[in-house]
PDB file of N, CA and C in Angstrom:
ATOM      1  N   MET A   1      -8.025 -16.794 -25.236  1.00  0.00           N
ATOM      2  CA  MET A   1      -7.551 -15.698 -24.479  1.00  0.00           C
ATOM      3  C   MET A   1      -6.695 -14.746 -25.572  1.00  0.00           C
ATOM      4  N   GLU A   2      -6.061 -15.277 -26.552  1.00  0.00           N
ATOM      5  CA  GLU A   2      -5.334 -14.472 -27.408  1.00  0.00           C
ATOM      6  C   GLU A   2      -6.300 -13.287 -27.761  1.00  0.00           C
ATOM      7  N   LEU A   3      -7.380 -13.438 -28.305  1.00  0.00           N
ATOM      8  CA  LEU A   3      -8.297 -12.294 -28.576  1.00  0.00           C
ATOM      9  C   LEU A   3      -8.428 -11.182 -27.586  1.00  0.00           C
ATOM     10  N   TYR A   4      -8.324 -11.567 -26.355  1.00  0.00           N
ATOM     11  CA  TYR A   4      -8.304 -10.300 -25.219  1.00  0.00           C
ATOM     12  C   TYR A   4      -7.202  -9.495 -25.397  1.00  0.00           C
ATOM     13  N   ARG A   5      -6.197  -9.967 -25.663  1.00  0.00           N
ATOM     14  CA  ARG A   5      -4.716  -9.134 -25.890  1.00  0.00           C
ATOM     15  C   ARG A   5      -4.872  -8.012 -26.760  1.00  0.00           C
ATOM     16  N   GLN A   6      -5.993  -8.057 -27.519  1.00  0.00           N
ATOM     17  CA  GLN A   6      -6.145  -7.110 -28.755  1.00  0.00           C
ATOM     18  C   GLN A   6      -6.832  -5.990 -27.962  1.00  0.00           C
ATOM     19  N   TYR A   7      -7.690  -6.245 -27.092  1.00  0.00           N
ATOM     20  CA  TYR A   7      -8.617  -5.097 -26.330  1.00  0.00           C
ATOM     21  C   TYR A   7      -7.941  -4.062 -25.673  1.00  0.00           C
ATOM     22  N   SER A   8      -8.338  -2.846 -25.770  1.00  0.00           N
ATOM     23  CA  SER A   8      -7.942  -2.022 -24.975  1.00  0.00           C
ATOM     24  C   SER A   8      -8.150  -2.009 -23.596  1.00  0.00           C
ATOM     25  N   ASP A   9      -7.709  -1.248 -22.586  1.00  0.00           N
ATOM     26  CA  ASP A   9      -8.141  -1.326 -21.157  1.00  0.00           C
ATOM     27  C   ASP A   9      -9.496  -1.067 -20.981  1.00  0.00           C
ATOM     28  N   LEU A  10      -9.896   0.011 -21.781  1.00  0.00           N
ATOM     29  CA  LEU A  10     -11.379   0.485 -21.586  1.00  0.00           C
ATOM     30  C   LEU A  10     -12.429  -0.552 -21.920  1.00  0.00           C
ATOM     31  N   GLU A  11     -12.026  -1.244 -23.285  1.00  0.00           N
ATOM     32  CA  GLU A  11     -12.936  -2.391 -23.639  1.00  0.00           C
ATOM     33  C   GLU A  11     -12.926  -3.549 -22.574  1.00  0.00           C
ATOM     34  N   LEU A  12     -11.679  -3.859 -22.048  1.00  0.00           N
ATOM     35  CA  LEU A  12     -11.379  -4.981 -20.920  1.00  0.00           C
ATOM     36  C   LEU A  12     -12.410  -4.499 -19.826  1.00  0.00           C
ATOM     37  N   MET A  13     -12.417  -3.217 -19.298  1.00  0.00           N
ATOM     38  CA  MET A  13     -13.186  -2.771 -18.194  1.00  0.00           C
ATOM     39  C   MET A  13     -14.683  -2.790 -18.415  1.00  0.00           C
ATOM     40  N   GLY A  14     -15.084  -2.592 -19.701  1.00  0.00           N
ATOM     41  CA  GLY A  14     -16.482  -2.895 -19.969  1.00  0.00           C
ATOM     42  C   GLY A  14     -16.696  -4.438 -19.945  1.00  0.00           C
ATOM     43  N   LEU A  15     -16.018  -5.325 -20.408  1.00  0.00           N
ATOM     44  CA  LEU A  15     -16.335  -6.637 -20.240  1.00  0.00           C
ATOM     45  C   LEU A  15     -16.234  -7.053 -18.904  1.00  0.00           C
ATOM     46  N   ILE A  16     -15.234  -6.732 -18.096  1.00  0.00           N
ATOM     47  CA  ILE A  16     -15.415  -7.076 -16.544  1.00  0.00           C
ATOM     48  C   ILE A  16     -16.435  -6.717 -15.990  1.00  0.00           C
ATOM     49  N   SER A  17     -17.055  -5.466 -16.360  1.00  0.00           N
ATOM     50  CA  SER A  17     -18.462  -4.862 -15.690  1.00  0.00           C
ATOM     51  C   SER A  17     -19.614  -5.974 -16.138  1.00  0.00           C
ATOM     52  N   GLU A  18     -19.302  -6.718 -17.170  1.00  0.00           N
ATOM     53  CA  GLU A  18     -20.389  -7.789 -17.526  1.00  0.00           C
ATOM     54  C   GLU A  18     -19.847  -9.031 -16.957  1.00  0.00           C
ATOM     55  N   GLU A  19     -19.082  -9.071 -16.184  1.00  0.00           N
ATOM     56  CA  GLU A  19     -18.551 -10.403 -15.484  1.00  0.00           C
ATOM     57  C   GLU A  19     -17.839 -11.253 -16.215  1.00  0.00           C
ATOM     58  N   ASP A  20     -17.101 -10.934 -17.171  1.00  0.00           N
ATOM     59  CA  ASP A  20     -16.107 -11.646 -18.095  1.00  0.00           C
ATOM     60  C   ASP A  20     -14.922 -11.860 -17.265  1.00  0.00           C
ATOM     61  N   PRO A  21     -14.733 -13.223 -16.929  1.00  0.00           N
ATOM     62  CA  PRO A  21     -13.468 -13.515 -16.183  1.00  0.00           C
ATOM     63  C   PRO A  21     -12.183 -13.402 -17.067  1.00  0.00           C
ATOM     64  N   HIS A  22     -12.484 -13.833 -18.326  1.00  0.00           N
ATOM     65  CA  HIS A  22     -11.120 -13.727 -19.339  1.00  0.00           C
ATOM     66  C   HIS A  22     -10.736 -12.308 -19.551  1.00  0.00           C
ATOM     67  N   ALA A  23     -11.758 -11.303 -19.401  1.00  0.00           N
ATOM     68  CA  ALA A  23     -11.192  -9.804 -19.651  1.00  0.00           C
ATOM     69  C   ALA A  23     -10.318  -9.539 -18.152  1.00  0.00           C
ATOM     70  N   PHE A  24     -10.820 -10.107 -17.103  1.00  0.00           N
ATOM     71  CA  PHE A  24     -10.141  -9.850 -15.745  1.00  0.00           C
ATOM     72  C   PHE A  24      -8.833 -10.574 -15.784  1.00  0.00           C
ATOM     73  N   THR A  25      -8.849 -11.711 -16.392  1.00  0.00           N
ATOM     74  CA  THR A  25      -7.257 -12.503 -16.361  1.00  0.00           C
ATOM     75  C   THR A  25      -6.479 -11.508 -17.329  1.00  0.00           C
ATOM     76  N   GLU A  26      -6.955 -10.954 -18.361  1.00  0.00           N
ATOM     77  CA  GLU A  26      -6.073 -10.151 -19.145  1.00  0.00           C
ATOM     78  C   GLU A  26      -5.602  -9.054 -18.625  1.00  0.00           C
ATOM     79  N   ILE A  27      -6.634  -8.302 -17.817  1.00  0.00           N
ATOM     80  CA  ILE A  27      -5.835  -7.178 -17.010  1.00  0.00           C
ATOM     81  C   ILE A  27      -5.016  -7.343 -16.017  1.00  0.00           C
ATOM     82  N   TYR A  28      -5.319  -8.659 -15.168  1.00  0.00           N
ATOM     83  CA  TYR A  28      -4.453  -9.166 -14.260  1.00  0.00           C
ATOM     84  C   TYR A  28      -3.067  -9.426 -15.027  1.00  0.00           C
ATOM     85  N   ASN A  29      -3.005 -10.189 -16.146  1.00  0.00           N
ATOM     86  CA  ASN A  29      -1.618 -10.525 -16.506  1.00  0.00           C
ATOM     87  C   ASN A  29      -0.997  -9.392 -17.177  1.00  0.00           C
ATOM     88  N   ARG A  30      -1.893  -8.226 -17.679  1.00  0.00           N
ATOM     89  CA  ARG A  30      -1.283  -7.219 -18.299  1.00  0.00           C
ATOM     90  C   ARG A  30      -0.411  -6.250 -17.308  1.00  0.00           C
ATOM     91  N   TYR A  31      -0.832  -6.287 -16.045  1.00  0.00           N
ATOM     92  CA  TYR A  31      -0.507  -5.361 -14.930  1.00  0.00           C
ATOM     93  C   TYR A  31       0.178  -5.824 -13.840  1.00  0.00           C
ATOM     94  N   LYS A  32       0.172  -7.210 -13.527  1.00  0.00           N
ATOM     95  CA  LYS A  32       0.811  -7.794 -12.720  1.00  0.00           C
ATOM     96  C   LYS A  32       2.094  -7.458 -12.145  1.00  0.00           C
ATOM     97  N   GLY A  33       2.949  -7.715 -13.116  1.00  0.00           N
ATOM     98  CA  GLY A  33       4.214  -7.388 -13.106  1.00  0.00           C
ATOM     99  C   GLY A  33       4.710  -6.153 -12.713  1.00  0.00           C
ATOM    100  N   VAL A  34       4.166  -5.020 -13.338  1.00  0.00           N
ATOM    101  CA  VAL A  34       4.772  -3.827 -13.137  1.00  0.00           C
ATOM    102  C   VAL A  34       4.097  -3.290 -11.819  1.00  0.00           C
ATOM    103  N   LEU A  35       2.816  -3.709 -11.488  1.00  0.00           N
ATOM    104  CA  LEU A  35       2.441  -3.392 -10.016  1.00  0.00           C
ATOM    105  C   LEU A  35       3.046  -3.849  -9.026  1.00  0.00           C
ATOM    106  N   TYR A  36       3.454  -5.311  -9.285  1.00  0.00           N
ATOM    107  CA  TYR A  36       4.529  -5.847  -8.278  1.00  0.00           C
ATOM    108  C   TYR A  36       5.673  -5.131  -8.087  1.00  0.00           C
ATOM    109  N   VAL A  37       6.383  -4.793  -8.981  1.00  0.00           N
ATOM    110  CA  VAL A  37       7.629  -3.870  -8.906  1.00  0.00           C
ATOM    111  C   VAL A  37       7.224  -2.585  -8.114  1.00  0.00           C
ATOM    112  N   HIS A  38       6.233  -2.163  -8.354  1.00  0.00           N
ATOM    113  CA  HIS A  38       5.670  -0.677  -7.779  1.00  0.00           C
ATOM    114  C   HIS A  38       5.623  -0.942  -6.220  1.00  0.00           C
ATOM    115  N   ALA A  39       4.872  -1.848  -5.778  1.00  0.00           N
ATOM    116  CA  ALA A  39       4.551  -2.343  -4.610  1.00  0.00           C
ATOM    117  C   ALA A  39       6.078  -2.690  -3.811  1.00  0.00           C
ATOM    118  N   LEU A  40       6.809  -3.674  -4.416  1.00  0.00           N
ATOM    119  CA  LEU A  40       8.199  -4.158  -3.899  1.00  0.00           C
ATOM    120  C   LEU A  40       8.869  -2.833  -3.711  1.00  0.00           C
ATOM    121  N   ARG A  41       8.889  -1.830  -4.518  1.00  0.00           N
ATOM    122  CA  ARG A  41       9.612  -0.624  -4.237  1.00  0.00           C
ATOM    123  C   ARG A  41       9.573   0.082  -3.022  1.00  0.00           C
ATOM    124  N   MET A  42       7.917   0.243  -2.616  1.00  0.00           N
ATOM    125  CA  MET A  42       7.622   0.858  -1.634  1.00  0.00           C
ATOM    126  C   MET A  42       7.837   0.088  -0.138  1.00  0.00           C
ATOM    127  N   LEU A  43       7.459  -1.201  -0.500  1.00  0.00           N
ATOM    128  CA  LEU A  43       7.494  -2.139   0.841  1.00  0.00           C
ATOM    129  C   LEU A  43       8.714  -2.753   0.953  1.00  0.00           C
ATOM    130  N   ASP A  44       9.528  -3.068   0.106  1.00  0.00           N
ATOM    131  CA  ASP A  44      10.662  -3.878   0.206  1.00  0.00           C
ATOM    132  C   ASP A  44      10.425  -5.305   0.757  1.00  0.00           C
ATOM    133  N   ASP A  45       9.180  -5.789   0.512  1.00  0.00           N
ATOM    134  CA  ASP A  45       9.004  -7.019   1.043  1.00  0.00           C
ATOM    135  C   ASP A  45       8.213  -7.979  -0.126  1.00  0.00           C
ATOM    136  N   PRO A  46       8.739  -8.920  -0.537  1.00  0.00           N
ATOM    137  CA  PRO A  46       7.960  -9.602  -1.562  1.00  0.00           C
ATOM    138  C   PRO A  46       6.719 -10.207  -1.216  1.00  0.00           C
ATOM    139  N   ASP A  47       6.670 -10.584  -0.002  1.00  0.00           N
ATOM    140  CA  ASP A  47       5.187 -11.281   0.458  1.00  0.00           C
ATOM    141  C   ASP A  47       4.236 -10.299   0.574  1.00  0.00           C
ATOM    142  N   GLU A  48       4.542  -9.196   1.349  1.00  0.00           N
ATOM    143  CA  GLU A  48       3.602  -8.024   1.618  1.00  0.00           C
ATOM    144  C   GLU A  48       3.291  -7.512   0.000  1.00  0.00           C
ATOM    145  N   SER A  49       4.261  -7.387  -0.826  1.00  0.00           N
ATOM    146  CA  SER A  49       4.052  -7.036  -2.128  1.00  0.00           C
ATOM    147  C   SER A  49       2.846  -7.744  -3.025  1.00  0.00           C
ATOM    148  N   ASN A  50       3.029  -9.178  -2.822  1.00  0.00           N
ATOM    149  CA  ASN A  50       2.129 -10.067  -3.354  1.00  0.00           C
ATOM    150  C   ASN A  50       0.655  -9.805  -2.584  1.00  0.00           C
ATOM    151  N   ASP A  51       0.681  -9.611  -1.259  1.00  0.00           N
ATOM    152  CA  ASP A  51      -0.665  -9.532  -0.581  1.00  0.00           C
ATOM    153  C   ASP A  51      -1.260  -8.164  -1.148  1.00  0.00           C
ATOM    154  N   VAL A  52      -0.667  -7.076  -1.281  1.00  0.00           N
ATOM    155  CA  VAL A  52      -1.265  -5.906  -1.811  1.00  0.00           C
ATOM    156  C   VAL A  52      -1.717  -6.010  -3.148  1.00  0.00           C
ATOM    157  N   LEU A  53      -1.112  -6.735  -3.934  1.00  0.00           N
ATOM    158  CA  LEU A  53      -1.681  -7.031  -5.307  1.00  0.00           C
ATOM    159  C   LEU A  53      -2.897  -7.824  -5.158  1.00  0.00           C
ATOM    160  N   GLN A  54      -2.975  -8.770  -4.572  1.00  0.00           N
ATOM    161  CA  GLN A  54      -4.162  -9.688  -4.260  1.00  0.00           C
ATOM    162  C   GLN A  54      -5.268  -8.817  -3.857  1.00  0.00           C
ATOM    163  N   GLU A  55      -5.040  -7.976  -3.052  1.00  0.00           N
ATOM    164  CA  GLU A  55      -6.204  -7.160  -2.418  1.00  0.00           C
ATOM    165  C   GLU A  55      -6.554  -6.300  -3.438  1.00  0.00           C
ATOM    166  N   VAL A  56      -5.553  -5.682  -4.289  1.00  0.00           N
ATOM    167  CA  VAL A  56      -6.096  -4.810  -5.167  1.00  0.00           C
ATOM    168  C   VAL A  56      -6.934  -5.343  -6.172  1.00  0.00           C
ATOM    169  N   PHE A  57      -6.427  -6.494  -6.733  1.00  0.00           N
ATOM    170  CA  PHE A  57      -7.165  -7.138  -7.944  1.00  0.00           C
ATOM    171  C   PHE A  57      -8.422  -7.756  -7.313  1.00  0.00           C
ATOM    172  N   ALA A  58      -8.504  -8.198  -5.958  1.00  0.00           N
ATOM    173  CA  ALA A  58      -9.677  -8.818  -5.613  1.00  0.00           C
ATOM    174  C   ALA A  58     -10.822  -7.674  -5.554  1.00  0.00           C
ATOM    175  N   GLY A  59     -10.236  -6.333  -5.137  1.00  0.00           N
ATOM    176  CA  GLY A  59     -11.330  -5.362  -4.781  1.00  0.00           C
ATOM    177  C   GLY A  59     -11.571  -4.845  -6.361  1.00  0.00           C
ATOM    178  N   LEU A  60     -11.028  -4.903  -7.274  1.00  0.00           N
ATOM    179  CA  LEU A  60     -11.165  -4.640  -8.823  1.00  0.00           C
ATOM    180  C   LEU A  60     -12.438  -5.518  -9.154  1.00  0.00           C
ATOM    181  N   TRP A  61     -12.326  -6.942  -8.896  1.00  0.00           N
ATOM    182  CA  TRP A  61     -13.424  -7.760  -9.336  1.00  0.00           C
ATOM    183  C   TRP A  61     -14.659  -7.593  -8.336  1.00  0.00           C
ATOM    184  N   ALA A  62     -14.366  -7.206  -7.229  1.00  0.00           N
ATOM    185  CA  ALA A  62     -15.508  -7.184  -6.255  1.00  0.00           C
ATOM    186  C   ALA A  62     -16.351  -5.876  -6.653  1.00  0.00           C
ATOM    187  N   ARG A  63     -15.719  -4.872  -6.999  1.00  0.00           N
ATOM    188  CA  ARG A  63     -16.446  -3.705  -7.375  1.00  0.00           C
ATOM    189  C   ARG A  63     -16.465  -3.218  -8.912  1.00  0.00           C
ATOM    190  N   ARG A  64     -16.453  -4.379  -9.671  1.00  0.00           N
ATOM    191  CA  ARG A  64     -16.452  -4.443 -11.061  1.00  0.00           C
ATOM    192  C   ARG A  64     -17.701  -3.614 -11.608  1.00  0.00           C
ATOM    193  N   LYS A  65     -18.677  -3.612 -11.027  1.00  0.00           N
ATOM    194  CA  LYS A  65     -20.019  -3.139 -11.735  1.00  0.00           C
ATOM    195  C   LYS A  65     -19.923  -1.556 -11.225  1.00  0.00           C
ATOM    196  N   ASP A  66     -19.235  -1.160 -10.344  1.00  0.00           N
ATOM    197  CA  ASP A  66     -19.545   0.188  -9.651  1.00  0.00           C
ATOM    198  C   ASP A  66     -18.196   1.057 -10.125  1.00  0.00           C
ATOM    199  N   ILE A  67     -17.077   0.516 -10.570  1.00  0.00           N
ATOM    200  CA  ILE A  67     -15.772   1.456 -10.537  1.00  0.00           C
ATOM    201  C   ILE A  67     -16.122   2.221 -12.104  1.00  0.00           C
ATOM    202  N   LYS A  68     -15.660   3.599 -11.769  1.00  0.00           N
ATOM    203  CA  LYS A  68     -15.596   4.587 -12.771  1.00  0.00           C
ATOM    204  C   LYS A  68     -14.230   5.075 -12.718  1.00  0.00           C
ATOM    205  N   ILE A  69     -13.646   4.845 -13.735  1.00  0.00           N
ATOM    206  CA  ILE A  69     -12.115   5.344 -13.859  1.00  0.00           C
ATOM    207  C   ILE A  69     -11.933   6.567 -14.596  1.00  0.00           C
ATOM    208  N   ASN A  70     -11.601   7.667 -13.877  1.00  0.00           N
ATOM    209  CA  ASN A  70     -11.262   8.883 -14.612  1.00  0.00           C
ATOM    210  C   ASN A  70      -9.787   8.984 -15.031  1.00  0.00           C
ATOM    211  N   GLY A  71      -9.524   8.608 -16.173  1.00  0.00           N
ATOM    212  CA  GLY A  71      -8.010   8.621 -16.602  1.00  0.00           C
ATOM    213  C   GLY A  71      -7.731   7.325 -17.146  1.00  0.00           C
ATOM    214  N   THR A  72      -6.681   6.874 -16.764  1.00  0.00           N
ATOM    215  CA  THR A  72      -6.311   5.369 -17.415  1.00  0.00           C
ATOM    216  C   THR A  72      -6.434   4.512 -16.426  1.00  0.00           C
ATOM    217  N   LEU A  73      -6.483   3.057 -16.934  1.00  0.00           N
ATOM    218  CA  LEU A  73      -6.669   1.909 -15.997  1.00  0.00           C
ATOM    219  C   LEU A  73      -5.164   1.815 -15.192  1.00  0.00           C
ATOM    220  N   SER A  74      -4.212   2.164 -16.092  1.00  0.00           N
ATOM    221  CA  SER A  74      -2.924   1.919 -15.375  1.00  0.00           C
ATOM    222  C   SER A  74      -2.777   2.898 -14.075  1.00  0.00           C
ATOM    223  N   GLY A  75      -3.245   4.217 -14.317  1.00  0.00           N
ATOM    224  CA  GLY A  75      -3.108   5.163 -13.113  1.00  0.00           C
ATOM    225  C   GLY A  75      -3.895   4.752 -12.143  1.00  0.00           C
ATOM    226  N   TYR A  76      -5.026   4.294 -12.389  1.00  0.00           N
ATOM    227  CA  TYR A  76      -5.896   3.739 -11.411  1.00  0.00           C
ATOM    228  C   TYR A  76      -5.359   2.725 -10.405  1.00  0.00           C
ATOM    229  N   LEU A  77      -4.871   1.681 -11.282  1.00  0.00           N
ATOM    230  CA  LEU A  77      -4.140   0.626 -10.404  1.00  0.00           C
ATOM    231  C   LEU A  77      -2.918   0.906  -9.657  1.00  0.00           C
ATOM    232  N   TYR A  78      -2.100   1.840 -10.412  1.00  0.00           N
ATOM    233  CA  TYR A  78      -0.993   2.278  -9.495  1.00  0.00           C
ATOM    234  C   TYR A  78      -1.512   3.133  -8.227  1.00  0.00           C
ATOM    235  N   SER A  79      -2.444   3.915  -8.550  1.00  0.00           N
ATOM    236  CA  SER A  79      -3.059   4.583  -7.253  1.00  0.00           C
ATOM    237  C   SER A  79      -3.646   3.577  -6.230  1.00  0.00           C
ATOM    238  N   ALA A  80      -4.241   2.705  -6.624  1.00  0.00           N
ATOM    239  CA  ALA A  80      -4.855   1.439  -5.891  1.00  0.00           C
ATOM    240  C   ALA A  80      -3.887   1.035  -5.022  1.00  0.00           C
ATOM    241  N   VAL A  81      -2.687   0.463  -5.690  1.00  0.00           N
ATOM    242  CA  VAL A  81      -1.545  -0.029  -4.900  1.00  0.00           C
ATOM    243  C   VAL A  81      -1.043   0.931  -3.916  1.00  0.00           C
ATOM    244  N   LYS A  82      -0.782   1.959  -4.118  1.00  0.00           N
ATOM    245  CA  LYS A  82      -0.143   3.101  -3.559  1.00  0.00           C
ATOM    246  C   LYS A  82      -0.817   3.166  -2.325  1.00  0.00           C
ATOM    247  N   ASN A  83      -2.326   3.601  -2.394  1.00  0.00           N
ATOM    248  CA  ASN A  83      -3.146   3.693  -1.424  1.00  0.00           C
ATOM    249  C   ASN A  83      -3.509   2.579  -0.408  1.00  0.00           C
ATOM    250  N   ARG A  84      -3.291   1.307  -0.978  1.00  0.00           N
ATOM    251  CA  ARG A  84      -3.548   0.214  -0.029  1.00  0.00           C
ATOM    252  C   ARG A  84      -2.166   0.145   0.850  1.00  0.00           C
ATOM    253  N   ILE A  85      -1.123   0.567   0.202  1.00  0.00           N
ATOM    254  CA  ILE A  85       0.281   0.494   1.060  1.00  0.00           C
ATOM    255  C   ILE A  85       0.126   1.585   2.262  1.00  0.00           C
ATOM    256  N   LEU A  86      -0.391   2.547   1.853  1.00  0.00           N
ATOM    257  CA  LEU A  86      -0.553   3.720   2.695  1.00  0.00           C
ATOM    258  C   LEU A  86      -1.438   3.450   3.832  1.00  0.00           C
TER     259      LEU A  86
END
């Protein structure tokens, strides 16, 4: 798993589209904390915030072959959290 920390978000997304669960785990670990804080600020509810994160990451895996990110992965994930909440 240490090797995956060296990969860029773009490289990890390429690996995810090839069904690499370790790449998905790295993205999850890389972004779960900041996305949780983002959701918690909007919802002010820890349980709801965790549910939103679960839905966003489950959706990322479910659509791994079809997702086209225009911009950064972090921007995509922040938007996904915000849209899920709204």
